[in-house]
């Protein structure tokens, strides 16, 4: 199963933007124990590249998405560090060309319907709508998809665990959760939050 198919099948992923990179691996492992098998690691400093590389070297690592990628150089470094998917917060044709040449999936982020359409025109297989919650939540996803049912979107951005079914019902292929999962210092609690999120997906299915 390729990464895009897995994201659509699992319907949930974690988005980690860490202030303390050294805690990332413990949190990823706690999320995995809770049933979340896809993690987006936001690469916003050199330490996170090392974390990505370390995670990718583990035999049973989750699907690793490298987030916050804007330049070709960032993308190349992330790919060489073991990223399975590149996630960009912007629409960038240079990234489209690079990822196509490297045969690695690219997810581009859109906020408006026009941006989502442009990403689709560039043959982006999954388009991340973010920040989904501030833009109007699940209803905003419905509004985008109503005239463009042909695009595949995932939703992220301040989404609460209890709202996962709403986004999936609205048409999102998957939902990304951030600090709602890992804002707790106790790893057992992080694991329980992951279990709760997975349960919400199962209830939807």
Foldseek 3Di string as FASTA:
>chain_A
DAPVVVCLVLQEEEEEDDPDLVCVVLLQVLLVLLPHQEYEYEPPDPSSLVVLLVQQVDPRHGQYEYECDDDPVSVVSSVVSRHQEYEHAADDVVVLVSCVVVVHAYEYEDADLVRQVVCVVSVRQEYEHPPQVVSPHLVVLLVSCVVPVPHAYEYERPDALLCSLSNVVSPHSHYYHYCNQPVDPDSNSSSVSSNSSSVNVVVND
